[in-house]
């Protein structure tokens, strides 16, 4: 199973919604490729509408559990992914668990993770 990591929190609610939509598009593209995907953003965003916070501090317990059961992590390189505390924590956890981490640009161009030789993703889009 792929854990699809992507940034979410932002002071502008329009950016939050755009990030949700991008995560859903990327998850759908991976599913069309026959992959099994868990996207914490696609899962949690609708639930947050019922009074739950959308930040990493609140969701980290849930996300860590899901990440621990996945086979690999794919990071969606939306603007802000490098500054995202949640994404950086997800990458660190995956690496500590020995799970491959790969990065995919929104345009669909995959990049190999220099820390994990041989890990590549197909395009998303």
N, C-alpha and C. Protein backbone atom coordinates (compact mmCIF):
# COMPACT_ATOMS: atom_id res chain seq x y z
N UNK A 1 0.85 -1.18 0.00
CA UNK A 1 0.00 0.00 0.00
C UNK A 1 0.89 1.24 0.00
N UNK A 2 0.49 2.23 -0.75
CA UNK A 2 1.19 3.52 -0.82
C UNK A 2 0.55 4.48 0.18
N UNK A 3 1.39 5.15 0.94
CA UNK A 3 0.97 6.26 1.78
C UNK A 3 1.32 7.52 1.01
N UNK A 4 0.32 8.28 0.61
CA UNK A 4 0.52 9.48 -0.20
C UNK A 4 0.62 10.69 0.73
N UNK A 5 1.84 11.18 0.93
CA UNK A 5 2.08 12.34 1.78
C UNK A 5 2.01 13.61 0.95
N UNK A 6 1.37 14.62 1.50
CA UNK A 6 1.30 15.92 0.81
C UNK A 6 0.99 17.00 1.84
N UNK A 7 1.40 18.24 1.55
CA UNK A 7 1.11 19.33 2.49
C UNK A 7 -0.38 19.62 2.54
N UNK A 8 -0.83 20.17 3.65
CA UNK A 8 -2.25 20.47 3.81
C UNK A 8 -2.48 21.82 4.46
N UNK A 9 -2.01 22.00 5.67
CA UNK A 9 -2.31 23.22 6.43
C UNK A 9 -1.77 24.46 5.74
N UNK A 10 -2.55 25.53 5.82
CA UNK A 10 -2.17 26.83 5.25
C UNK A 10 -3.15 27.85 5.80
N UNK A 11 -2.69 29.10 6.01
CA UNK A 11 -3.61 30.12 6.53
C UNK A 11 -4.75 30.47 5.57
N UNK A 12 -4.55 30.25 4.29
CA UNK A 12 -5.57 30.56 3.29
C UNK A 12 -6.42 29.32 3.02
N UNK A 13 -7.73 29.37 3.33
CA UNK A 13 -8.58 28.20 3.10
C UNK A 13 -8.66 27.78 1.64
N UNK A 14 -8.43 28.69 0.72
CA UNK A 14 -8.43 28.35 -0.70
C UNK A 14 -7.26 27.42 -1.01
N UNK A 15 -6.10 27.69 -0.42
CA UNK A 15 -4.92 26.84 -0.62
C UNK A 15 -5.17 25.46 0.00
N UNK A 16 -5.79 25.40 1.16
CA UNK A 16 -6.11 24.12 1.79
C UNK A 16 -6.99 23.30 0.86
N UNK A 17 -8.00 23.92 0.30
CA UNK A 17 -8.91 23.22 -0.62
C UNK A 17 -8.17 22.76 -1.88
N UNK A 18 -7.28 23.59 -2.41
CA UNK A 18 -6.50 23.21 -3.58
C UNK A 18 -5.60 22.02 -3.27
N UNK A 19 -5.01 22.00 -2.09
CA UNK A 19 -4.16 20.88 -1.69
C UNK A 19 -4.97 19.60 -1.54
N UNK A 20 -6.17 19.71 -1.00
CA UNK A 20 -7.06 18.55 -0.89
C UNK A 20 -7.37 18.00 -2.28
N UNK A 21 -7.75 18.88 -3.20
CA UNK A 21 -8.09 18.45 -4.56
C UNK A 21 -6.89 17.80 -5.25
N UNK A 22 -5.70 18.37 -5.07
CA UNK A 22 -4.50 17.81 -5.69
C UNK A 22 -4.19 16.42 -5.12
N UNK A 23 -4.35 16.25 -3.82
CA UNK A 23 -4.12 14.93 -3.20
C UNK A 23 -5.12 13.91 -3.73
N UNK A 24 -6.36 14.33 -3.89
CA UNK A 24 -7.38 13.41 -4.44
C UNK A 24 -7.07 13.03 -5.88
N UNK A 25 -6.65 14.02 -6.70
CA UNK A 25 -6.28 13.72 -8.09
C UNK A 25 -5.11 12.75 -8.15
N UNK A 26 -4.10 12.97 -7.32
CA UNK A 26 -2.92 12.10 -7.31
C UNK A 26 -3.29 10.69 -6.84
N UNK A 27 -4.11 10.60 -5.80
CA UNK A 27 -4.55 9.29 -5.32
C UNK A 27 -5.34 8.56 -6.40
N UNK A 28 -6.23 9.27 -7.08
CA UNK A 28 -7.01 8.65 -8.16
C UNK A 28 -6.10 8.15 -9.28
N UNK A 29 -5.09 8.94 -9.63
CA UNK A 29 -4.16 8.53 -10.69
C UNK A 29 -3.42 7.25 -10.30
N UNK A 30 -2.98 7.17 -9.06
CA UNK A 30 -2.28 5.97 -8.59
C UNK A 30 -3.22 4.77 -8.56
N UNK A 31 -4.44 4.99 -8.14
CA UNK A 31 -5.43 3.90 -8.10
C UNK A 31 -5.71 3.41 -9.52
N UNK A 32 -5.82 4.34 -10.48
CA UNK A 32 -6.00 3.94 -11.89
C UNK A 32 -4.84 3.08 -12.38
N UNK A 33 -3.65 3.28 -11.81
CA UNK A 33 -2.48 2.48 -12.17
C UNK A 33 -2.48 1.12 -11.47
N UNK A 34 -3.53 0.84 -10.70
CA UNK A 34 -3.65 -0.44 -10.02
C UNK A 34 -3.04 -0.47 -8.63
N UNK A 35 -2.65 0.69 -8.11
CA UNK A 35 -2.03 0.76 -6.78
C UNK A 35 -3.10 0.87 -5.70
N UNK A 36 -2.77 0.40 -4.52
CA UNK A 36 -3.60 0.62 -3.34
C UNK A 36 -3.02 1.83 -2.62
N UNK A 37 -3.86 2.81 -2.32
CA UNK A 37 -3.38 4.10 -1.82
C UNK A 37 -4.15 4.51 -0.58
N UNK A 38 -3.42 5.04 0.39
CA UNK A 38 -4.02 5.77 1.50
C UNK A 38 -3.50 7.19 1.45
N UNK A 39 -4.41 8.14 1.34
CA UNK A 39 -4.06 9.56 1.37
C UNK A 39 -4.65 10.17 2.63
N UNK A 40 -3.80 10.54 3.60
CA UNK A 40 -4.34 11.13 4.82
C UNK A 40 -5.11 12.42 4.55
N UNK A 41 -4.74 13.14 3.52
CA UNK A 41 -5.45 14.40 3.21
C UNK A 41 -6.83 14.09 2.64
N UNK A 42 -6.90 13.16 1.68
CA UNK A 42 -8.19 12.80 1.10
C UNK A 42 -9.12 12.21 2.16
N UNK A 43 -8.56 11.47 3.09
CA UNK A 43 -9.36 10.85 4.15
C UNK A 43 -9.79 11.88 5.20
N UNK A 44 -8.88 12.73 5.62
CA UNK A 44 -9.12 13.59 6.78
C UNK A 44 -9.83 14.90 6.47
N UNK A 45 -9.61 15.46 5.29
CA UNK A 45 -10.19 16.77 4.96
C UNK A 45 -11.72 16.80 5.16
N UNK A 46 -12.45 15.83 4.62
CA UNK A 46 -13.91 15.88 4.85
C UNK A 46 -14.29 15.72 6.32
N UNK A 47 -13.50 14.95 7.06
CA UNK A 47 -13.78 14.74 8.48
C UNK A 47 -13.54 16.02 9.28
N UNK A 48 -12.54 16.79 8.87
CA UNK A 48 -12.23 18.06 9.56
C UNK A 48 -13.39 19.05 9.48
N UNK A 49 -14.24 18.89 8.50
CA UNK A 49 -15.40 19.77 8.36
C UNK A 49 -16.36 19.64 9.53
N UNK A 50 -16.17 18.61 10.35
CA UNK A 50 -17.05 18.37 11.50
C UNK A 50 -16.37 18.74 12.81
N UNK A 51 -15.54 19.78 12.74
CA UNK A 51 -15.01 20.37 13.95
C UNK A 51 -13.66 19.87 14.43
N UNK A 52 -12.96 19.10 13.61
CA UNK A 52 -11.63 18.64 14.01
C UNK A 52 -10.56 19.53 13.37
N UNK A 53 -9.44 19.70 14.06
CA UNK A 53 -8.36 20.51 13.48
C UNK A 53 -7.72 19.78 12.30
N UNK A 54 -7.06 20.53 11.44
CA UNK A 54 -6.44 19.95 10.26
C UNK A 54 -4.93 19.91 10.33
N UNK A 55 -4.36 20.10 11.51
CA UNK A 55 -2.90 20.18 11.59
C UNK A 55 -2.26 18.84 11.95
N UNK A 56 -0.95 18.77 11.71
CA UNK A 56 -0.19 17.54 11.96
C UNK A 56 -0.25 17.13 13.43
N UNK A 57 -0.16 18.10 14.32
CA UNK A 57 -0.16 17.78 15.75
C UNK A 57 -1.37 16.93 16.12
N UNK A 58 -2.53 17.28 15.60
CA UNK A 58 -3.73 16.52 15.91
C UNK A 58 -3.74 15.17 15.22
N UNK A 59 -3.40 15.13 13.93
CA UNK A 59 -3.55 13.92 13.12
C UNK A 59 -2.36 12.97 13.17
N UNK A 60 -1.27 13.37 13.78
CA UNK A 60 -0.07 12.54 13.70
C UNK A 60 -0.26 11.13 14.26
N UNK A 61 -1.01 10.95 15.31
CA UNK A 61 -1.23 9.60 15.85
C UNK A 61 -1.90 8.71 14.82
N UNK A 62 -2.91 9.23 14.15
CA UNK A 62 -3.62 8.47 13.12
C UNK A 62 -2.71 8.19 11.93
N UNK A 63 -2.03 9.25 11.47
CA UNK A 63 -1.20 9.11 10.28
C UNK A 63 -0.01 8.19 10.52
N UNK A 64 0.57 8.24 11.70
CA UNK A 64 1.70 7.34 12.01
C UNK A 64 1.25 5.88 11.95
N UNK A 65 0.06 5.61 12.44
CA UNK A 65 -0.46 4.23 12.41
C UNK A 65 -0.63 3.77 10.97
N UNK A 66 -1.23 4.61 10.15
CA UNK A 66 -1.41 4.24 8.73
C UNK A 66 -0.07 4.09 8.03
N UNK A 67 0.84 5.01 8.29
CA UNK A 67 2.15 4.95 7.65
C UNK A 67 2.89 3.68 8.04
N UNK A 68 2.76 3.26 9.27
CA UNK A 68 3.48 2.06 9.72
C UNK A 68 2.99 0.80 9.01
N UNK A 69 1.77 0.81 8.49
CA UNK A 69 1.25 -0.36 7.80
C UNK A 69 1.46 -0.31 6.29
N UNK A 70 1.92 0.81 5.77
CA UNK A 70 2.11 0.91 4.33
C UNK A 70 3.42 0.26 3.90
N UNK A 71 3.56 0.06 2.60
CA UNK A 71 4.77 -0.52 2.03
C UNK A 71 5.77 0.55 1.59
N UNK A 72 5.24 1.70 1.23
CA UNK A 72 6.08 2.78 0.72
C UNK A 72 5.37 4.11 0.90
N UNK A 73 6.15 5.19 0.81
CA UNK A 73 5.60 6.54 0.90
C UNK A 73 5.92 7.26 -0.39
N UNK A 74 4.91 7.91 -0.95
CA UNK A 74 5.07 8.78 -2.10
C UNK A 74 4.74 10.19 -1.64
N UNK A 75 5.66 11.11 -1.86
CA UNK A 75 5.46 12.50 -1.46
C UNK A 75 5.04 13.30 -2.69
N UNK A 76 3.87 13.92 -2.61
CA UNK A 76 3.38 14.78 -3.67
C UNK A 76 4.00 16.16 -3.48
N UNK A 77 4.79 16.57 -4.44
CA UNK A 77 5.56 17.80 -4.30
C UNK A 77 4.72 19.04 -4.65
N UNK A 78 3.67 19.26 -3.86
CA UNK A 78 2.90 20.49 -3.98
C UNK A 78 3.72 21.62 -3.36
N UNK A 79 3.46 22.84 -3.78
CA UNK A 79 4.14 23.98 -3.17
C UNK A 79 3.96 23.91 -1.66
N UNK A 80 5.06 24.05 -0.95
CA UNK A 80 5.03 24.02 0.51
C UNK A 80 5.40 22.68 1.11
N UNK A 81 5.65 21.65 0.29
CA UNK A 81 5.93 20.33 0.85
C UNK A 81 7.21 20.32 1.68
N UNK A 82 8.20 21.11 1.28
CA UNK A 82 9.47 21.12 2.01
C UNK A 82 9.34 21.80 3.38
N UNK A 83 8.41 22.73 3.51
CA UNK A 83 8.21 23.45 4.76
C UNK A 83 7.17 22.78 5.66
N UNK A 84 6.45 21.81 5.13
CA UNK A 84 5.38 21.16 5.88
C UNK A 84 5.94 20.29 7.01
N UNK A 85 5.56 20.61 8.24
CA UNK A 85 6.01 19.82 9.38
C UNK A 85 5.50 18.38 9.27
N UNK A 86 4.26 18.24 8.82
CA UNK A 86 3.68 16.91 8.69
C UNK A 86 4.39 16.07 7.65
N UNK A 87 4.62 16.63 6.46
CA UNK A 87 5.30 15.89 5.40
C UNK A 87 6.72 15.51 5.84
N UNK A 88 7.43 16.44 6.45
CA UNK A 88 8.79 16.13 6.89
C UNK A 88 8.78 15.04 7.97
N UNK A 89 7.80 15.06 8.87
CA UNK A 89 7.69 14.02 9.89
C UNK A 89 7.35 12.67 9.25
N UNK A 90 6.49 12.68 8.23
CA UNK A 90 6.13 11.44 7.55
C UNK A 90 7.34 10.85 6.83
N UNK A 91 8.13 11.69 6.19
CA UNK A 91 9.35 11.22 5.52
C UNK A 91 10.31 10.62 6.55
N UNK A 92 10.52 11.32 7.65
CA UNK A 92 11.44 10.84 8.68
C UNK A 92 10.96 9.51 9.27
N UNK A 93 9.67 9.39 9.52
CA UNK A 93 9.13 8.15 10.07
C UNK A 93 9.31 7.01 9.07
N UNK A 94 8.98 7.26 7.81
CA UNK A 94 9.13 6.22 6.79
C UNK A 94 10.57 5.74 6.72
N UNK A 95 11.49 6.68 6.71
CA UNK A 95 12.91 6.30 6.64
C UNK A 95 13.33 5.53 7.89
N UNK A 96 12.84 5.93 9.06
CA UNK A 96 13.21 5.22 10.29
C UNK A 96 12.66 3.79 10.29
N UNK A 97 11.57 3.58 9.57
CA UNK A 97 10.97 2.25 9.46
C UNK A 97 11.53 1.46 8.28
N UNK A 98 12.45 2.07 7.53
CA UNK A 98 13.05 1.40 6.38
C UNK A 98 12.15 1.30 5.17
N UNK A 99 11.16 2.18 5.09
CA UNK A 99 10.23 2.16 3.96
C UNK A 99 10.76 3.06 2.84
N UNK A 100 10.63 2.63 1.60
CA UNK A 100 11.07 3.48 0.50
C UNK A 100 10.23 4.75 0.42
N UNK A 101 10.89 5.85 0.10
CA UNK A 101 10.24 7.14 -0.06
C UNK A 101 10.58 7.65 -1.45
N UNK A 102 9.57 8.02 -2.22
CA UNK A 102 9.80 8.63 -3.52
C UNK A 102 9.00 9.91 -3.61
N UNK A 103 9.36 10.73 -4.57
CA UNK A 103 8.76 12.04 -4.72
C UNK A 103 8.17 12.15 -6.11
N UNK A 104 7.01 12.75 -6.22
CA UNK A 104 6.40 12.95 -7.52
C UNK A 104 5.92 14.39 -7.62
N UNK A 105 6.26 15.01 -8.73
CA UNK A 105 5.84 16.38 -8.98
C UNK A 105 4.38 16.39 -9.41
N UNK A 106 3.74 17.50 -9.20
CA UNK A 106 2.33 17.64 -9.58
C UNK A 106 2.17 17.41 -11.07
N UNK A 107 3.17 17.78 -11.86
CA UNK A 107 3.10 17.60 -13.31
C UNK A 107 3.13 16.14 -13.71
N UNK A 108 3.50 15.28 -12.74
CA UNK A 108 3.54 13.86 -13.03
C UNK A 108 4.93 13.31 -13.22
N UNK A 109 5.93 14.15 -13.16
CA UNK A 109 7.30 13.68 -13.31
C UNK A 109 7.81 13.16 -11.98
N UNK A 110 8.14 11.89 -11.94
CA UNK A 110 8.65 11.30 -10.71
C UNK A 110 10.13 11.59 -10.57
N UNK A 111 10.57 11.64 -9.32
CA UNK A 111 11.99 11.82 -9.03
C UNK A 111 12.43 10.73 -8.09
N UNK A 112 13.63 10.27 -8.28
CA UNK A 112 14.17 9.25 -7.40
C UNK A 112 14.65 9.91 -6.12
N UNK A 113 14.41 9.25 -5.01
CA UNK A 113 14.90 9.71 -3.72
C UNK A 113 16.37 9.35 -3.63
N UNK A 114 17.26 10.33 -3.48
CA UNK A 114 18.68 10.03 -3.42
C UNK A 114 19.05 9.11 -2.26
N UNK A 115 18.26 9.07 -1.22
CA UNK A 115 18.56 8.22 -0.09
C UNK A 115 18.13 6.77 -0.28
N UNK A 116 17.38 6.51 -1.33
CA UNK A 116 16.88 5.16 -1.59
C UNK A 116 17.10 4.83 -3.06
N UNK A 117 18.28 4.43 -3.41
CA UNK A 117 18.61 4.12 -4.80
C UNK A 117 17.64 3.08 -5.34
N UNK A 118 17.21 3.32 -6.57
CA UNK A 118 16.36 2.38 -7.26
C UNK A 118 14.88 2.58 -7.02
N UNK A 119 14.48 3.49 -6.17
CA UNK A 119 13.07 3.74 -5.93
C UNK A 119 12.59 4.81 -6.89
N UNK A 120 11.68 4.43 -7.75
CA UNK A 120 11.15 5.39 -8.71
C UNK A 120 9.64 5.21 -8.78
N UNK A 121 8.96 6.23 -9.16
CA UNK A 121 7.51 6.19 -9.31
C UNK A 121 7.17 6.49 -10.74
N UNK A 122 6.08 5.93 -11.19
CA UNK A 122 5.55 6.31 -12.48
C UNK A 122 4.91 7.68 -12.37
N UNK A 123 4.60 8.27 -13.49
CA UNK A 123 4.00 9.60 -13.48
C UNK A 123 2.61 9.59 -12.88
N UNK A 124 2.26 10.68 -12.28
CA UNK A 124 0.91 10.87 -11.76
C UNK A 124 0.28 12.00 -12.53
N UNK A 125 -0.87 11.75 -13.06
CA UNK A 125 -1.55 12.83 -13.77
C UNK A 125 -2.45 12.34 -14.83
